[in-house]
């Protein structure tokens, strides 16, 4: 188990990613895009270190977190991270932990998958949009996650009031970047095979973020809209990106300044959640429909 924990260490995963990407680059030195990927992997790892440093400083500047508020928001939804995590304890938890730590390798994999098959956009631009906008949104509604707010008690959290609480951890909960990135995979997935893989990874990521105590359920809801924003940036659709970003900001500002109303009126919270999920689902259908329409147009175009 100790060796398994070492292999799952983010630093070890990063080193392995660089090593494998360098080997892949050396197999075909004529492919000029391969060094770019190695550079992107290395930059991603250094950016992650910088991001942790930046968010750590952000956590010091924003010591008051909204974790108890988000916990009560989950209560309004009628489902909590702990209630989902309980049935997943034991053998089920191991693969979910693996999925949680597979995000960076999957980002690299999706770059390779979409490099030639998806000519309409750039998944790298979507990644950049997430990494730039994420810390800003964390400052709007700073929160850490159940395992940081409640410690060892997070699976059996005590009754708390919906108030801000002083926590020393860095804000990295609302919205969920893990879910947003997994949803970007769905929106960029080419072909039936990769669409199935992306949906499976999205479901696994959702369960993983909750079973590890890293996120509240409400974080995942806003994460879907944030993924739509990032994908729109990747497809260079400015208006759509602003619209989806507006949805995320609406969630952040409404919870920060109007959480009392949402908690007292759970029907409103549930309706907004359903509406956000519907918007995300519609985005998937629209994105997946475009290649099918183009294929149909090519099929009916008369041959010269």
C-alpha atoms as a PDB file:
ATOM      1  CA  UNK A   1       0.000   0.000   0.000  1.00  0.00           C
ATOM      2  CA  UNK A   2       2.923   2.340   0.751  1.00  0.00           C
ATOM      3  CA  UNK A   3       4.377   1.769  -2.721  1.00  0.00           C
ATOM      4  CA  UNK A   4       0.934   2.389  -4.229  1.00  0.00           C
ATOM      5  CA  UNK A   5       0.691   5.707  -2.376  1.00  0.00           C
ATOM      6  CA  UNK A   6       4.102   6.715  -3.747  1.00  0.00           C
ATOM      7  CA  UNK A   7       2.987   5.959  -7.307  1.00  0.00           C
ATOM      8  CA  UNK A   8      -0.134   8.082  -6.798  1.00  0.00           C
ATOM      9  CA  UNK A   9       1.884  11.042  -5.526  1.00  0.00           C
ATOM     10  CA  UNK A  10       1.276  14.021  -7.846  1.00  0.00           C
ATOM     11  CA  UNK A  11       5.016  14.692  -8.102  1.00  0.00           C
ATOM     12  CA  UNK A  12       5.663  11.091  -9.160  1.00  0.00           C
ATOM     13  CA  UNK A  13       2.854  11.278 -11.720  1.00  0.00           C
ATOM     14  CA  UNK A  14       4.330  14.500 -13.081  1.00  0.00           C
ATOM     15  CA  UNK A  15       7.832  13.044 -13.430  1.00  0.00           C
ATOM     16  CA  UNK A  16       6.417   9.951 -15.120  1.00  0.00           C
ATOM     17  CA  UNK A  17       4.404  12.145 -17.505  1.00  0.00           C
ATOM     18  CA  UNK A  18       7.515  14.063 -18.551  1.00  0.00           C
ATOM     19  CA  UNK A  19       9.525  10.849 -18.970  1.00  0.00           C
ATOM     20  CA  UNK A  20       6.887   9.198 -21.152  1.00  0.00           C
ATOM     21  CA  UNK A  21       6.339  12.338 -23.220  1.00  0.00           C
ATOM     22  CA  UNK A  22      10.096  12.616 -23.906  1.00  0.00           C
ATOM     23  CA  UNK A  23      10.220   8.964 -25.004  1.00  0.00           C
ATOM     24  CA  UNK A  24       7.222   9.574 -27.262  1.00  0.00           C
ATOM     25  CA  UNK A  25       8.912  12.655 -28.737  1.00  0.00           C
ATOM     26  CA  UNK A  26      12.138  10.764 -29.511  1.00  0.00           C
ATOM     27  CA  UNK A  27      10.264   8.042 -31.398  1.00  0.00           C
ATOM     28  CA  UNK A  28       9.537  10.459 -34.238  1.00  0.00           C
ATOM     29  CA  UNK A  29      11.870  13.445 -34.329  1.00  0.00           C
ATOM     30  CA  UNK A  30      10.349  14.599 -37.616  1.00  0.00           C
ATOM     31  CA  UNK A  31       7.041  15.421 -35.905  1.00  0.00           C
ATOM     32  CA  UNK A  32       7.531  19.050 -34.882  1.00  0.00           C
ATOM     33  CA  UNK A  33       4.474  19.060 -32.621  1.00  0.00           C
ATOM     34  CA  UNK A  34       5.956  16.501 -30.221  1.00  0.00           C
ATOM     35  CA  UNK A  35       8.495  18.877 -28.633  1.00  0.00           C
ATOM     36  CA  UNK A  36       5.592  21.292 -28.130  1.00  0.00           C
ATOM     37  CA  UNK A  37       3.768  18.657 -26.105  1.00  0.00           C
ATOM     38  CA  UNK A  38       6.832  18.003 -23.932  1.00  0.00           C
ATOM     39  CA  UNK A  39       7.115  21.751 -23.355  1.00  0.00           C
ATOM     40  CA  UNK A  40       3.395  21.932 -22.497  1.00  0.00           C
ATOM     41  CA  UNK A  41       3.697  19.065 -19.998  1.00  0.00           C
ATOM     42  CA  UNK A  42       6.694  20.679 -18.311  1.00  0.00           C
ATOM     43  CA  UNK A  43       4.993  24.085 -18.259  1.00  0.00           C
ATOM     44  CA  UNK A  44       1.856  22.512 -16.791  1.00  0.00           C
ATOM     45  CA  UNK A  45       3.827  21.029 -13.913  1.00  0.00           C
ATOM     46  CA  UNK A  46       5.632  24.273 -13.158  1.00  0.00           C
ATOM     47  CA  UNK A  47       2.371  26.176 -13.489  1.00  0.00           C
ATOM     48  CA  UNK A  48       0.810  23.779 -10.988  1.00  0.00           C
ATOM     49  CA  UNK A  49       3.561  24.606  -8.503  1.00  0.00           C
ATOM     50  CA  UNK A  50       3.073  28.318  -9.154  1.00  0.00           C
ATOM     51  CA  UNK A  51      -0.697  27.928  -8.843  1.00  0.00           C
ATOM     52  CA  UNK A  52      -0.368  26.179  -5.478  1.00  0.00           C
ATOM     53  CA  UNK A  53       1.919  28.982  -4.289  1.00  0.00           C
ATOM     54  CA  UNK A  54      -0.458  31.666  -5.564  1.00  0.00           C
ATOM     55  CA  UNK A  55      -3.532  29.995  -4.070  1.00  0.00           C
ATOM     56  CA  UNK A  56      -1.675  29.452  -0.814  1.00  0.00           C
ATOM     57  CA  UNK A  57      -1.059  33.187  -0.627  1.00  0.00           C
ATOM     58  CA  UNK A  58      -4.668  33.743  -1.652  1.00  0.00           C
ATOM     59  CA  UNK A  59      -5.739  31.535   1.244  1.00  0.00           C
ATOM     60  CA  UNK A  60      -3.748  33.733   3.618  1.00  0.00           C
ATOM     61  CA  UNK A  61      -5.353  36.885   2.253  1.00  0.00           C
ATOM     62  CA  UNK A  62      -8.835  35.291   2.373  1.00  0.00           C
ATOM     63  CA  UNK A  63      -8.902  33.374   5.664  1.00  0.00           C
ATOM     64  CA  UNK A  64     -12.697  33.438   5.937  1.00  0.00           C
ATOM     65  CA  UNK A  65     -14.147  30.581   3.905  1.00  0.00           C
ATOM     66  CA  UNK A  66     -17.716  29.718   2.894  1.00  0.00           C
ATOM     67  CA  UNK A  67     -17.451  25.983   3.589  1.00  0.00           C
ATOM     68  CA  UNK A  68     -20.306  25.887   6.082  1.00  0.00           C
ATOM     69  CA  UNK A  69     -22.433  27.816   3.602  1.00  0.00           C
ATOM     70  CA  UNK A  70     -21.675  25.319   0.821  1.00  0.00           C
ATOM     71  CA  UNK A  71     -22.387  22.489   3.234  1.00  0.00           C
ATOM     72  CA  UNK A  72     -25.832  23.962   3.881  1.00  0.00           C
ATOM     73  CA  UNK A  73     -26.323  24.435   0.148  1.00  0.00           C
ATOM     74  CA  UNK A  74     -25.824  20.690  -0.261  1.00  0.00           C
ATOM     75  CA  UNK A  75     -28.434  20.179   2.434  1.00  0.00           C
ATOM     76  CA  UNK A  76     -30.796  22.305   0.355  1.00  0.00           C
ATOM     77  CA  UNK A  77     -30.116  20.026  -2.612  1.00  0.00           C
ATOM     78  CA  UNK A  78     -30.958  17.023  -0.449  1.00  0.00           C
ATOM     79  CA  UNK A  79     -27.600  15.315  -1.042  1.00  0.00           C
ATOM     80  CA  UNK A  80     -24.153  15.738   0.485  1.00  0.00           C
ATOM     81  CA  UNK A  81     -20.624  14.624  -0.270  1.00  0.00           C
ATOM     82  CA  UNK A  82     -20.634  12.428   2.837  1.00  0.00           C
ATOM     83  CA  UNK A  83     -23.846  10.635   1.823  1.00  0.00           C
ATOM     84  CA  UNK A  84     -22.294   9.782  -1.553  1.00  0.00           C
ATOM     85  CA  UNK A  85     -18.906   8.867  -0.055  1.00  0.00           C
ATOM     86  CA  UNK A  86     -20.244   6.351   2.500  1.00  0.00           C
ATOM     87  CA  UNK A  87     -21.238   3.627  -0.024  1.00  0.00           C
ATOM     88  CA  UNK A  88     -17.914   4.119  -1.845  1.00  0.00           C
ATOM     89  CA  UNK A  89     -15.671   3.368   1.111  1.00  0.00           C
ATOM     90  CA  UNK A  90     -13.488   0.267   0.917  1.00  0.00           C
ATOM     91  CA  UNK A  91     -12.487  -1.346  -2.369  1.00  0.00           C
ATOM     92  CA  UNK A  92     -14.402   1.191  -4.491  1.00  0.00           C
ATOM     93  CA  UNK A  93     -12.342   4.054  -3.094  1.00  0.00           C
ATOM     94  CA  UNK A  94      -9.015   2.861  -4.580  1.00  0.00           C
ATOM     95  CA  UNK A  95      -9.954   3.238  -8.287  1.00  0.00           C
ATOM     96  CA  UNK A  96     -11.652   6.555  -7.516  1.00  0.00           C
ATOM     97  CA  UNK A  97      -8.457   7.888  -5.939  1.00  0.00           C
ATOM     98  CA  UNK A  98      -6.602   6.768  -9.068  1.00  0.00           C
ATOM     99  CA  UNK A  99      -9.114   8.606 -11.262  1.00  0.00           C
ATOM    100  CA  UNK A 100      -8.756  11.741  -9.142  1.00  0.00           C
ATOM    101  CA  UNK A 101      -4.981  11.778  -9.720  1.00  0.00           C
ATOM    102  CA  UNK A 102      -5.257  10.984 -13.439  1.00  0.00           C
ATOM    103  CA  UNK A 103      -6.313  14.498 -14.414  1.00  0.00           C
ATOM    104  CA  UNK A 104      -2.946  15.700 -15.765  1.00  0.00           C
ATOM    105  CA  UNK A 105      -2.278  12.493 -17.772  1.00  0.00           C
ATOM    106  CA  UNK A 106      -5.818  12.722 -19.158  1.00  0.00           C
ATOM    107  CA  UNK A 107      -5.245  16.344 -20.171  1.00  0.00           C
ATOM    108  CA  UNK A 108      -2.201  15.216 -22.119  1.00  0.00           C
ATOM    109  CA  UNK A 109      -4.113  12.286 -23.589  1.00  0.00           C
ATOM    110  CA  UNK A 110      -6.936  14.564 -24.744  1.00  0.00           C
ATOM    111  CA  UNK A 111      -4.473  16.881 -26.401  1.00  0.00           C
ATOM    112  CA  UNK A 112      -3.203  13.915 -28.413  1.00  0.00           C
ATOM    113  CA  UNK A 113      -6.708  12.612 -29.145  1.00  0.00           C
ATOM    114  CA  UNK A 114      -8.007  15.966 -30.390  1.00  0.00           C
ATOM    115  CA  UNK A 115      -4.840  17.161 -32.117  1.00  0.00           C
ATOM    116  CA  UNK A 116      -5.905  15.949 -35.563  1.00  0.00           C
ATOM    117  CA  UNK A 117      -9.491  14.813 -35.027  1.00  0.00           C
ATOM    118  CA  UNK A 118     -10.974  18.045 -33.725  1.00  0.00           C
ATOM    119  CA  UNK A 119     -10.076  20.873 -36.081  1.00  0.00           C
ATOM    120  CA  UNK A 120     -12.735  23.260 -34.793  1.00  0.00           C
ATOM    121  CA  UNK A 121     -10.991  24.267 -31.598  1.00  0.00           C
ATOM    122  CA  UNK A 122      -8.013  23.954 -29.300  1.00  0.00           C
ATOM    123  CA  UNK A 123      -8.310  22.027 -26.054  1.00  0.00           C
ATOM    124  CA  UNK A 124      -5.122  23.767 -24.875  1.00  0.00           C
ATOM    125  CA  UNK A 125      -6.940  27.133 -24.971  1.00  0.00           C
ATOM    126  CA  UNK A 126      -9.654  25.580 -22.804  1.00  0.00           C
ATOM    127  CA  UNK A 127      -7.015  24.491 -20.292  1.00  0.00           C
ATOM    128  CA  UNK A 128      -5.517  27.977 -20.225  1.00  0.00           C
ATOM    129  CA  UNK A 129      -8.950  29.548 -19.670  1.00  0.00           C
ATOM    130  CA  UNK A 130      -9.530  27.288 -16.661  1.00  0.00           C
ATOM    131  CA  UNK A 131      -6.123  27.926 -15.129  1.00  0.00           C
ATOM    132  CA  UNK A 132      -6.485  31.706 -15.491  1.00  0.00           C
ATOM    133  CA  UNK A 133     -10.136  32.118 -14.464  1.00  0.00           C
ATOM    134  CA  UNK A 134     -10.155  29.442 -11.734  1.00  0.00           C
ATOM    135  CA  UNK A 135      -8.112  31.312  -9.081  1.00  0.00           C
ATOM    136  CA  UNK A 136     -10.126  34.475  -9.713  1.00  0.00           C
ATOM    137  CA  UNK A 137     -13.394  32.642  -9.093  1.00  0.00           C
ATOM    138  CA  UNK A 138     -11.928  31.048  -5.972  1.00  0.00           C
ATOM    139  CA  UNK A 139     -11.428  34.557  -4.621  1.00  0.00           C
ATOM    140  CA  UNK A 140     -15.096  35.425  -5.264  1.00  0.00           C
ATOM    141  CA  UNK A 141     -16.368  32.535  -3.129  1.00  0.00           C
ATOM    142  CA  UNK A 142     -13.403  31.096  -1.189  1.00  0.00           C
ATOM    143  CA  UNK A 143     -13.866  27.581   0.183  1.00  0.00           C
ATOM    144  CA  UNK A 144     -11.639  24.556   0.793  1.00  0.00           C
ATOM    145  CA  UNK A 145     -13.769  21.391   0.759  1.00  0.00           C
ATOM    146  CA  UNK A 146     -15.360  19.095   3.385  1.00  0.00           C
ATOM    147  CA  UNK A 147     -12.191  17.211   4.332  1.00  0.00           C
ATOM    148  CA  UNK A 148     -10.457  20.521   5.100  1.00  0.00           C
ATOM    149  CA  UNK A 149     -13.399  22.165   6.828  1.00  0.00           C
ATOM    150  CA  UNK A 150     -14.370  19.218   9.043  1.00  0.00           C
ATOM    151  CA  UNK A 151     -11.182  17.148   9.156  1.00  0.00           C
ATOM    152  CA  UNK A 152     -11.578  13.531  10.192  1.00  0.00           C
ATOM    153  CA  UNK A 153     -15.258  14.231  10.935  1.00  0.00           C
ATOM    154  CA  UNK A 154     -16.150  15.100   7.357  1.00  0.00           C
ATOM    155  CA  UNK A 155     -17.969  11.778   6.809  1.00  0.00           C
ATOM    156  CA  UNK A 156     -20.035  12.544   9.926  1.00  0.00           C
ATOM    157  CA  UNK A 157     -20.066  16.347   9.912  1.00  0.00           C
ATOM    158  CA  UNK A 158     -21.487  18.155  12.924  1.00  0.00           C
ATOM    159  CA  UNK A 159     -24.481  20.462  12.686  1.00  0.00           C
ATOM    160  CA  UNK A 160     -23.221  23.879  11.637  1.00  0.00           C
ATOM    161  CA  UNK A 161     -24.745  27.235  10.874  1.00  0.00           C
ATOM    162  CA  UNK A 162     -24.460  28.767   7.418  1.00  0.00           C
ATOM    163  CA  UNK A 163     -21.727  31.231   8.325  1.00  0.00           C
ATOM    164  CA  UNK A 164     -18.219  31.947   7.102  1.00  0.00           C
ATOM    165  CA  UNK A 165     -15.511  30.110   9.015  1.00  0.00           C
ATOM    166  CA  UNK A 166     -11.835  30.872   9.445  1.00  0.00           C
ATOM    167  CA  UNK A 167      -9.710  28.215   7.674  1.00  0.00           C
ATOM    168  CA  UNK A 168      -6.026  28.296   6.808  1.00  0.00           C
ATOM    169  CA  UNK A 169      -6.293  26.166   3.653  1.00  0.00           C
ATOM    170  CA  UNK A 170      -6.109  27.556   0.134  1.00  0.00           C
ATOM    171  CA  UNK A 171      -9.450  28.118  -1.661  1.00  0.00           C
ATOM    172  CA  UNK A 172      -9.926  25.429  -4.322  1.00  0.00           C
ATOM    173  CA  UNK A 173     -13.518  24.234  -4.085  1.00  0.00           C
ATOM    174  CA  UNK A 174     -16.038  26.412  -5.924  1.00  0.00           C
ATOM    175  CA  UNK A 175     -16.289  25.719  -8.816  1.00  0.00           C
ATOM    176  CA  UNK A 176     -14.721  22.279  -9.241  1.00  0.00           C
ATOM    177  CA  UNK A 177     -11.859  22.465 -11.736  1.00  0.00           C
ATOM    178  CA  UNK A 178     -11.737  18.655 -11.846  1.00  0.00           C
ATOM    179  CA  UNK A 179     -15.333  18.444 -13.056  1.00  0.00           C
ATOM    180  CA  UNK A 180     -14.850  21.406 -15.399  1.00  0.00           C
ATOM    181  CA  UNK A 181     -11.833  19.761 -17.048  1.00  0.00           C
ATOM    182  CA  UNK A 182     -13.564  16.382 -17.308  1.00  0.00           C
ATOM    183  CA  UNK A 183     -16.509  18.157 -18.939  1.00  0.00           C
ATOM    184  CA  UNK A 184     -14.143  19.837 -21.399  1.00  0.00           C
ATOM    185  CA  UNK A 185     -13.091  16.326 -22.418  1.00  0.00           C
ATOM    186  CA  UNK A 186     -16.750  15.535 -23.136  1.00  0.00           C
ATOM    187  CA  UNK A 187     -17.243  18.671 -25.227  1.00  0.00           C
ATOM    188  CA  UNK A 188     -14.076  18.009 -27.233  1.00  0.00           C
ATOM    189  CA  UNK A 189     -14.484  14.231 -27.584  1.00  0.00           C
ATOM    190  CA  UNK A 190     -14.237  13.058 -31.227  1.00  0.00           C
ATOM    191  CA  UNK A 191     -16.173   9.949 -32.220  1.00  0.00           C
ATOM    192  CA  UNK A 192     -18.303   7.490 -30.277  1.00  0.00           C
ATOM    193  CA  UNK A 193     -15.406   5.706 -28.582  1.00  0.00           C
ATOM    194  CA  UNK A 194     -13.868   8.812 -27.050  1.00  0.00           C
ATOM    195  CA  UNK A 195     -17.277  10.194 -26.154  1.00  0.00           C
ATOM    196  CA  UNK A 196     -17.931   7.054 -24.136  1.00  0.00           C
ATOM    197  CA  UNK A 197     -14.518   7.334 -22.488  1.00  0.00           C
ATOM    198  CA  UNK A 198     -15.097  10.998 -21.636  1.00  0.00           C
ATOM    199  CA  UNK A 199     -18.513  10.334 -20.095  1.00  0.00           C
ATOM    200  CA  UNK A 200     -17.109   7.472 -18.015  1.00  0.00           C
ATOM    201  CA  UNK A 201     -14.242   9.683 -16.845  1.00  0.00           C
ATOM    202  CA  UNK A 202     -16.660  12.510 -16.027  1.00  0.00           C
ATOM    203  CA  UNK A 203     -18.783  10.178 -13.882  1.00  0.00           C
ATOM    204  CA  UNK A 204     -15.686   8.736 -12.192  1.00  0.00           C
ATOM    205  CA  UNK A 205     -14.304  12.209 -11.530  1.00  0.00           C
ATOM    206  CA  UNK A 206     -17.573  13.326  -9.973  1.00  0.00           C
ATOM    207  CA  UNK A 207     -17.593  10.362  -7.607  1.00  0.00           C
ATOM    208  CA  UNK A 208     -13.864  10.768  -6.912  1.00  0.00           C
ATOM    209  CA  UNK A 209     -14.095  14.443  -5.946  1.00  0.00           C
ATOM    210  CA  UNK A 210     -16.925  13.665  -3.527  1.00  0.00           C
ATOM    211  CA  UNK A 211     -15.572  10.405  -2.078  1.00  0.00           C
ATOM    212  CA  UNK A 212     -12.232  12.048  -1.261  1.00  0.00           C
ATOM    213  CA  UNK A 213     -13.910  14.983   0.473  1.00  0.00           C
ATOM    214  CA  UNK A 214     -12.348  17.510  -1.884  1.00  0.00           C
ATOM    215  CA  UNK A 215     -15.635  19.056  -3.009  1.00  0.00           C
ATOM    216  CA  UNK A 216     -19.228  19.732  -2.092  1.00  0.00           C
ATOM    217  CA  UNK A 217     -21.979  18.634  -4.461  1.00  0.00           C
ATOM    218  CA  UNK A 218     -22.803  22.234  -5.311  1.00  0.00           C
ATOM    219  CA  UNK A 219     -19.192  22.690  -6.521  1.00  0.00           C
ATOM    220  CA  UNK A 220     -19.811  20.119  -9.239  1.00  0.00           C
ATOM    221  CA  UNK A 221     -22.905  21.942 -10.474  1.00  0.00           C
ATOM    222  CA  UNK A 222     -21.026  25.181 -11.043  1.00  0.00           C
ATOM    223  CA  UNK A 223     -18.116  23.129 -12.419  1.00  0.00           C
ATOM    224  CA  UNK A 224     -20.289  22.010 -15.342  1.00  0.00           C
ATOM    225  CA  UNK A 225     -20.970  25.616 -16.329  1.00  0.00           C
ATOM    226  CA  UNK A 226     -17.286  26.437 -15.879  1.00  0.00           C
ATOM    227  CA  UNK A 227     -16.384  23.570 -18.203  1.00  0.00           C
ATOM    228  CA  UNK A 228     -18.777  25.004 -20.807  1.00  0.00           C
ATOM    229  CA  UNK A 229     -17.013  28.357 -20.447  1.00  0.00           C
ATOM    230  CA  UNK A 230     -13.559  26.824 -20.917  1.00  0.00           C
ATOM    231  CA  UNK A 231     -14.675  24.763 -23.925  1.00  0.00           C
ATOM    232  CA  UNK A 232     -16.217  27.874 -25.529  1.00  0.00           C
ATOM    233  CA  UNK A 233     -12.881  29.648 -25.136  1.00  0.00           C
ATOM    234  CA  UNK A 234     -11.227  26.626 -26.744  1.00  0.00           C
ATOM    235  CA  UNK A 235     -13.643  26.898 -29.666  1.00  0.00           C
ATOM    236  CA  UNK A 236     -13.085  30.691 -29.776  1.00  0.00           C
ATOM    237  CA  UNK A 237     -16.745  31.493 -29.181  1.00  0.00           C
ATOM    238  CA  UNK A 238     -16.572  34.722 -27.224  1.00  0.00           C
ATOM    239  CA  UNK A 239     -20.301  35.261 -26.687  1.00  0.00           C
ATOM    240  CA  UNK A 240     -20.908  31.713 -25.492  1.00  0.00           C
ATOM    241  CA  UNK A 241     -17.880  31.909 -23.205  1.00  0.00           C
ATOM    242  CA  UNK A 242     -19.173  35.118 -21.610  1.00  0.00           C
ATOM    243  CA  UNK A 243     -22.630  33.586 -21.210  1.00  0.00           C
ATOM    244  CA  UNK A 244     -21.327  30.490 -19.422  1.00  0.00           C
ATOM    245  CA  UNK A 245     -18.950  32.566 -17.307  1.00  0.00           C
ATOM    246  CA  UNK A 246     -21.958  34.657 -16.339  1.00  0.00           C
ATOM    247  CA  UNK A 247     -23.703  31.498 -15.115  1.00  0.00           C
ATOM    248  CA  UNK A 248     -20.710  30.622 -12.927  1.00  0.00           C
ATOM    249  CA  UNK A 249     -20.507  34.159 -11.555  1.00  0.00           C
ATOM    250  CA  UNK A 250     -24.238  34.123 -10.915  1.00  0.00           C
ATOM    251  CA  UNK A 251     -23.807  31.011  -8.775  1.00  0.00           C
ATOM    252  CA  UNK A 252     -20.809  32.461  -6.930  1.00  0.00           C
ATOM    253  CA  UNK A 253     -22.361  35.853  -6.204  1.00  0.00           C
ATOM    254  CA  UNK A 254     -25.804  34.488  -5.398  1.00  0.00           C
ATOM    255  CA  UNK A 255     -24.391  32.015  -2.883  1.00  0.00           C
ATOM    256  CA  UNK A 256     -22.057  34.588  -1.358  1.00  0.00           C
ATOM    257  CA  UNK A 257     -24.640  37.314  -0.888  1.00  0.00           C
ATOM    258  CA  UNK A 258     -27.944  35.428  -1.007  1.00  0.00           C
ATOM    259  CA  UNK A 259     -27.246  32.053   0.593  1.00  0.00           C
ATOM    260  CA  UNK A 260     -29.788  32.696   3.364  1.00  0.00           C
ATOM    261  CA  UNK A 261     -32.577  32.923   0.789  1.00  0.00           C
ATOM    262  CA  UNK A 262     -31.390  29.820  -1.082  1.00  0.00           C
ATOM    263  CA  UNK A 263     -31.162  27.760   2.094  1.00  0.00           C
ATOM    264  CA  UNK A 264     -34.619  28.816   3.266  1.00  0.00           C
ATOM    265  CA  UNK A 265     -36.045  28.114  -0.202  1.00  0.00           C
ATOM    266  CA  UNK A 266     -34.456  24.811  -1.285  1.00  0.00           C
ATOM    267  CA  UNK A 267     -36.810  24.601  -4.258  1.00  0.00           C
ATOM    268  CA  UNK A 268     -35.051  27.603  -5.803  1.00  0.00           C
ATOM    269  CA  UNK A 269     -31.639  25.978  -5.300  1.00  0.00           C
ATOM    270  CA  UNK A 270     -32.854  22.721  -6.803  1.00  0.00           C
ATOM    271  CA  UNK A 271     -34.447  24.495  -9.771  1.00  0.00           C
ATOM    272  CA  UNK A 272     -31.255  26.439 -10.500  1.00  0.00           C
ATOM    273  CA  UNK A 273     -29.294  23.186 -10.286  1.00  0.00           C
ATOM    274  CA  UNK A 274     -31.587  21.442 -12.759  1.00  0.00           C
ATOM    275  CA  UNK A 275     -31.426  24.447 -15.082  1.00  0.00           C
ATOM    276  CA  UNK A 276     -27.605  24.497 -14.969  1.00  0.00           C
ATOM    277  CA  UNK A 277     -27.430  20.764 -15.659  1.00  0.00           C
ATOM    278  CA  UNK A 278     -29.860  21.219 -18.561  1.00  0.00           C
ATOM    279  CA  UNK A 279     -27.720  23.999 -20.043  1.00  0.00           C
ATOM    280  CA  UNK A 280     -24.626  21.768 -19.799  1.00  0.00           C
ATOM    281  CA  UNK A 281     -26.478  18.826 -21.355  1.00  0.00           C
ATOM    282  CA  UNK A 282     -27.690  21.033 -24.208  1.00  0.00           C
ATOM    283  CA  UNK A 283     -24.104  22.162 -24.801  1.00  0.00           C
ATOM    284  CA  UNK A 284     -23.043  18.513 -25.178  1.00  0.00           C
ATOM    285  CA  UNK A 285     -25.822  17.722 -27.667  1.00  0.00           C
ATOM    286  CA  UNK A 286     -25.028  20.823 -29.704  1.00  0.00           C
ATOM    287  CA  UNK A 287     -21.306  20.053 -29.771  1.00  0.00           C
ATOM    288  CA  UNK A 288     -21.753  16.405 -30.680  1.00  0.00           C
ATOM    289  CA  UNK A 289     -24.339  17.280 -33.336  1.00  0.00           C
ATOM    290  CA  UNK A 290     -21.966  19.467 -35.359  1.00  0.00           C
ATOM    291  CA  UNK A 291     -19.759  16.630 -36.755  1.00  0.00           C
ATOM    292  CA  UNK A 292     -22.866  14.601 -37.600  1.00  0.00           C
ATOM    293  CA  UNK A 293     -24.363  17.539 -39.515  1.00  0.00           C
ATOM    294  CA  UNK A 294     -21.126  18.085 -41.403  1.00  0.00           C
ATOM    295  CA  UNK A 295     -20.945  14.409 -42.299  1.00  0.00           C
ATOM    296  CA  UNK A 296     -24.537  14.554 -43.564  1.00  0.00           C
ATOM    297  CA  UNK A 297     -23.754  17.632 -45.648  1.00  0.00           C
ATOM    298  CA  UNK A 298     -20.773  15.869 -47.211  1.00  0.00           C
ATOM    299  CA  UNK A 299     -22.908  12.802 -47.923  1.00  0.00           C
ATOM    300  CA  UNK A 300     -25.524  14.779 -49.867  1.00  0.00           C
ATOM    301  CA  UNK A 301     -23.013  16.993 -51.705  1.00  0.00           C
ATOM    302  CA  UNK A 302     -22.914  15.881 -55.364  1.00  0.00           C
ATOM    303  CA  UNK A 303     -19.591  14.514 -56.459  1.00  0.00           C
ATOM    304  CA  UNK A 304     -17.868  16.368 -59.285  1.00  0.00           C
END
